[in-house]
Amino acid sequence: MGIGSLLMGRMIDESEAAGIWTLQSSVFCDNTASIKLQEKHGFRILGKRERIAFDERIGKWRDTYYMERRSRSVGQ
């Protein structure tokens, strides 16, 4: 339905209206849907954080990607 994309677009619009020029996120490396959504909206992977989140459901440490989006209009 595209609700994720609608919400992401709204968050970006609202953040830029408030003068925020950088958005940051942390996402599990295997969450390809979220990574693709964020990349579609201008986020890029800046790095990988190893063993940063312990997942009690599966009993192991998980890695995350650190992602960032910089505004093309705010802060120029």
N, C-alpha and C. Protein backbone atom coordinates (compact mmCIF):
# COMPACT_ATOMS: atom_id res chain seq x y z
N MET A 1 0.81 -1.21 0.00
CA MET A 1 0.00 0.00 0.00
C MET A 1 0.85 1.26 0.00
N GLY A 2 2.10 1.16 0.38
CA GLY A 2 2.97 2.33 0.36
C GLY A 2 2.88 3.20 1.60
N ILE A 3 2.31 2.68 2.68
CA ILE A 3 2.16 3.50 3.89
C ILE A 3 3.51 3.88 4.48
N GLY A 4 4.49 2.96 4.41
CA GLY A 4 5.82 3.27 4.93
C GLY A 4 6.44 4.44 4.19
N SER A 5 6.28 4.45 2.88
CA SER A 5 6.82 5.54 2.07
C SER A 5 6.10 6.86 2.36
N LEU A 6 4.78 6.79 2.55
CA LEU A 6 4.03 8.00 2.90
C LEU A 6 4.48 8.56 4.24
N LEU A 7 4.64 7.69 5.23
CA LEU A 7 5.08 8.13 6.54
C LEU A 7 6.50 8.69 6.51
N MET A 8 7.39 8.03 5.77
CA MET A 8 8.77 8.50 5.67
C MET A 8 8.80 9.87 5.01
N GLY A 9 8.04 10.03 3.94
CA GLY A 9 7.98 11.33 3.27
C GLY A 9 7.47 12.43 4.18
N ARG A 10 6.46 12.11 4.96
CA ARG A 10 5.91 13.09 5.90
C ARG A 10 6.93 13.46 6.97
N MET A 11 7.64 12.46 7.48
CA MET A 11 8.66 12.74 8.50
C MET A 11 9.76 13.65 7.93
N ILE A 12 10.17 13.38 6.71
CA ILE A 12 11.20 14.20 6.07
C ILE A 12 10.69 15.62 5.88
N ASP A 13 9.48 15.77 5.35
CA ASP A 13 8.90 17.10 5.15
C ASP A 13 8.80 17.87 6.46
N GLU A 14 8.31 17.22 7.50
CA GLU A 14 8.16 17.89 8.80
C GLU A 14 9.52 18.26 9.40
N SER A 15 10.50 17.38 9.26
CA SER A 15 11.82 17.68 9.82
C SER A 15 12.45 18.86 9.11
N GLU A 16 12.31 18.91 7.79
CA GLU A 16 12.88 20.03 7.05
C GLU A 16 12.14 21.34 7.35
N ALA A 17 10.83 21.26 7.53
CA ALA A 17 10.07 22.46 7.91
C ALA A 17 10.51 23.00 9.27
N ALA A 18 10.99 22.09 10.12
CA ALA A 18 11.48 22.49 11.45
C ALA A 18 12.96 22.89 11.43
N GLY A 19 13.59 22.85 10.26
CA GLY A 19 14.99 23.25 10.15
C GLY A 19 15.99 22.16 10.47
N ILE A 20 15.54 20.92 10.53
CA ILE A 20 16.44 19.80 10.82
C ILE A 20 17.06 19.33 9.52
N TRP A 21 18.39 19.28 9.48
CA TRP A 21 19.06 18.94 8.22
C TRP A 21 19.63 17.54 8.18
N THR A 22 19.66 16.84 9.31
CA THR A 22 20.19 15.48 9.33
C THR A 22 19.24 14.56 10.10
N LEU A 23 18.90 13.43 9.49
CA LEU A 23 18.13 12.37 10.14
C LEU A 23 19.03 11.15 10.24
N GLN A 24 18.98 10.46 11.35
CA GLN A 24 19.82 9.29 11.56
C GLN A 24 18.95 8.11 11.98
N SER A 25 19.39 6.92 11.62
CA SER A 25 18.67 5.72 12.04
C SER A 25 19.64 4.58 12.26
N SER A 26 19.14 3.58 12.96
CA SER A 26 19.87 2.34 13.17
C SER A 26 18.91 1.22 12.81
N VAL A 27 19.35 0.30 11.96
CA VAL A 27 18.46 -0.76 11.48
C VAL A 27 19.23 -2.08 11.46
N PHE A 28 18.53 -3.17 11.83
CA PHE A 28 19.17 -4.48 11.76
C PHE A 28 19.62 -4.75 10.32
N CYS A 29 20.80 -5.30 10.18
CA CYS A 29 21.39 -5.52 8.85
C CYS A 29 20.55 -6.42 7.95
N ASP A 30 19.76 -7.31 8.55
CA ASP A 30 18.95 -8.21 7.74
C ASP A 30 17.54 -7.67 7.46
N ASN A 31 17.26 -6.45 7.86
CA ASN A 31 15.95 -5.84 7.62
C ASN A 31 15.97 -5.13 6.27
N THR A 32 15.98 -5.92 5.22
CA THR A 32 16.15 -5.37 3.86
C THR A 32 15.01 -4.44 3.46
N ALA A 33 13.80 -4.71 3.90
CA ALA A 33 12.67 -3.84 3.54
C ALA A 33 12.87 -2.43 4.08
N SER A 34 13.29 -2.32 5.34
CA SER A 34 13.52 -1.01 5.94
C SER A 34 14.71 -0.30 5.29
N ILE A 35 15.74 -1.05 5.00
CA ILE A 35 16.93 -0.47 4.36
C ILE A 35 16.55 0.08 2.98
N LYS A 36 15.81 -0.69 2.20
CA LYS A 36 15.38 -0.23 0.87
C LYS A 36 14.49 1.01 0.96
N LEU A 37 13.57 1.02 1.93
CA LEU A 37 12.70 2.18 2.12
C LEU A 37 13.52 3.42 2.44
N GLN A 38 14.45 3.28 3.36
CA GLN A 38 15.26 4.43 3.73
C GLN A 38 16.14 4.90 2.57
N GLU A 39 16.73 3.98 1.84
CA GLU A 39 17.55 4.36 0.70
C GLU A 39 16.71 5.08 -0.36
N LYS A 40 15.47 4.62 -0.54
CA LYS A 40 14.56 5.26 -1.50
C LYS A 40 14.34 6.73 -1.14
N HIS A 41 14.43 7.05 0.14
CA HIS A 41 14.19 8.41 0.61
C HIS A 41 15.48 9.17 0.93
N GLY A 42 16.58 8.70 0.41
CA GLY A 42 17.82 9.45 0.50
C GLY A 42 18.75 9.10 1.64
N PHE A 43 18.42 8.08 2.42
CA PHE A 43 19.34 7.64 3.48
C PHE A 43 20.47 6.83 2.85
N ARG A 44 21.61 6.84 3.50
CA ARG A 44 22.73 6.01 3.07
C ARG A 44 23.35 5.34 4.28
N ILE A 45 23.94 4.19 4.04
CA ILE A 45 24.60 3.45 5.11
C ILE A 45 25.96 4.09 5.36
N LEU A 46 26.21 4.48 6.60
CA LEU A 46 27.49 5.08 6.96
C LEU A 46 28.42 4.08 7.63
N GLY A 47 27.85 3.07 8.25
CA GLY A 47 28.70 2.10 8.92
C GLY A 47 27.89 0.96 9.51
N LYS A 48 28.62 0.00 10.00
CA LYS A 48 28.02 -1.18 10.60
C LYS A 48 28.46 -1.25 12.06
N ARG A 49 27.50 -1.42 12.96
CA ARG A 49 27.79 -1.58 14.38
C ARG A 49 27.61 -3.05 14.71
N GLU A 50 28.70 -3.69 15.10
CA GLU A 50 28.68 -5.13 15.35
C GLU A 50 28.29 -5.43 16.78
N ARG A 51 27.46 -6.48 16.92
CA ARG A 51 27.03 -6.97 18.23
C ARG A 51 26.52 -5.83 19.12
N ILE A 52 25.60 -5.05 18.60
CA ILE A 52 25.11 -3.88 19.33
C ILE A 52 23.78 -4.13 20.02
N ALA A 53 23.03 -5.13 19.56
CA ALA A 53 21.70 -5.37 20.13
C ALA A 53 21.52 -6.86 20.42
N PHE A 54 21.22 -7.18 21.66
CA PHE A 54 20.99 -8.58 22.01
C PHE A 54 19.53 -8.93 21.79
N ASP A 55 19.29 -9.95 21.00
CA ASP A 55 17.93 -10.40 20.68
C ASP A 55 17.61 -11.61 21.55
N GLU A 56 16.83 -11.39 22.59
CA GLU A 56 16.51 -12.47 23.52
C GLU A 56 15.68 -13.58 22.88
N ARG A 57 14.92 -13.25 21.85
CA ARG A 57 14.09 -14.27 21.19
C ARG A 57 14.93 -15.37 20.56
N ILE A 58 16.08 -14.99 20.03
CA ILE A 58 16.95 -15.98 19.37
C ILE A 58 18.24 -16.23 20.12
N GLY A 59 18.46 -15.49 21.20
CA GLY A 59 19.61 -15.71 22.06
C GLY A 59 20.95 -15.36 21.45
N LYS A 60 20.98 -14.31 20.61
CA LYS A 60 22.27 -13.90 20.05
C LYS A 60 22.33 -12.39 19.83
N TRP A 61 23.55 -11.91 19.71
CA TRP A 61 23.81 -10.51 19.42
C TRP A 61 23.59 -10.25 17.95
N ARG A 62 23.08 -9.04 17.64
CA ARG A 62 22.82 -8.69 16.25
C ARG A 62 23.56 -7.42 15.87
N ASP A 63 23.87 -7.32 14.59
CA ASP A 63 24.54 -6.15 14.04
C ASP A 63 23.49 -5.17 13.49
N THR A 64 23.84 -3.90 13.49
CA THR A 64 22.97 -2.89 12.89
C THR A 64 23.77 -2.02 11.92
N TYR A 65 23.06 -1.47 10.95
CA TYR A 65 23.64 -0.44 10.08
C TYR A 65 23.27 0.92 10.67
N TYR A 66 24.22 1.83 10.62
CA TYR A 66 23.98 3.22 10.99
C TYR A 66 23.71 3.96 9.68
N MET A 67 22.53 4.58 9.59
CA MET A 67 22.13 5.24 8.35
C MET A 67 21.87 6.72 8.60
N GLU A 68 22.02 7.52 7.54
CA GLU A 68 21.85 8.97 7.67
C GLU A 68 21.26 9.54 6.39
N ARG A 69 20.47 10.58 6.59
CA ARG A 69 19.94 11.36 5.44
C ARG A 69 20.21 12.83 5.73
N ARG A 70 20.82 13.49 4.76
CA ARG A 70 21.05 14.93 4.88
C ARG A 70 20.14 15.66 3.92
N SER A 71 19.55 16.73 4.41
CA SER A 71 18.62 17.52 3.60
C SER A 71 19.35 18.20 2.44
N ARG A 72 18.66 18.29 1.34
CA ARG A 72 19.21 19.01 0.19
C ARG A 72 18.80 20.48 0.22
N SER A 73 17.89 20.85 1.15
CA SER A 73 17.40 22.22 1.20
C SER A 73 17.73 22.95 2.50
N VAL A 74 17.77 22.25 3.61
CA VAL A 74 18.05 22.87 4.91
C VAL A 74 19.55 22.87 5.15
N GLY A 75 20.07 24.00 5.62
CA GLY A 75 21.47 24.07 5.97
C GLY A 75 22.41 24.30 4.80
N GLN A 76 21.88 24.71 3.70
CA GLN A 76 22.72 24.95 2.51
C GLN A 76 23.29 26.34 2.48
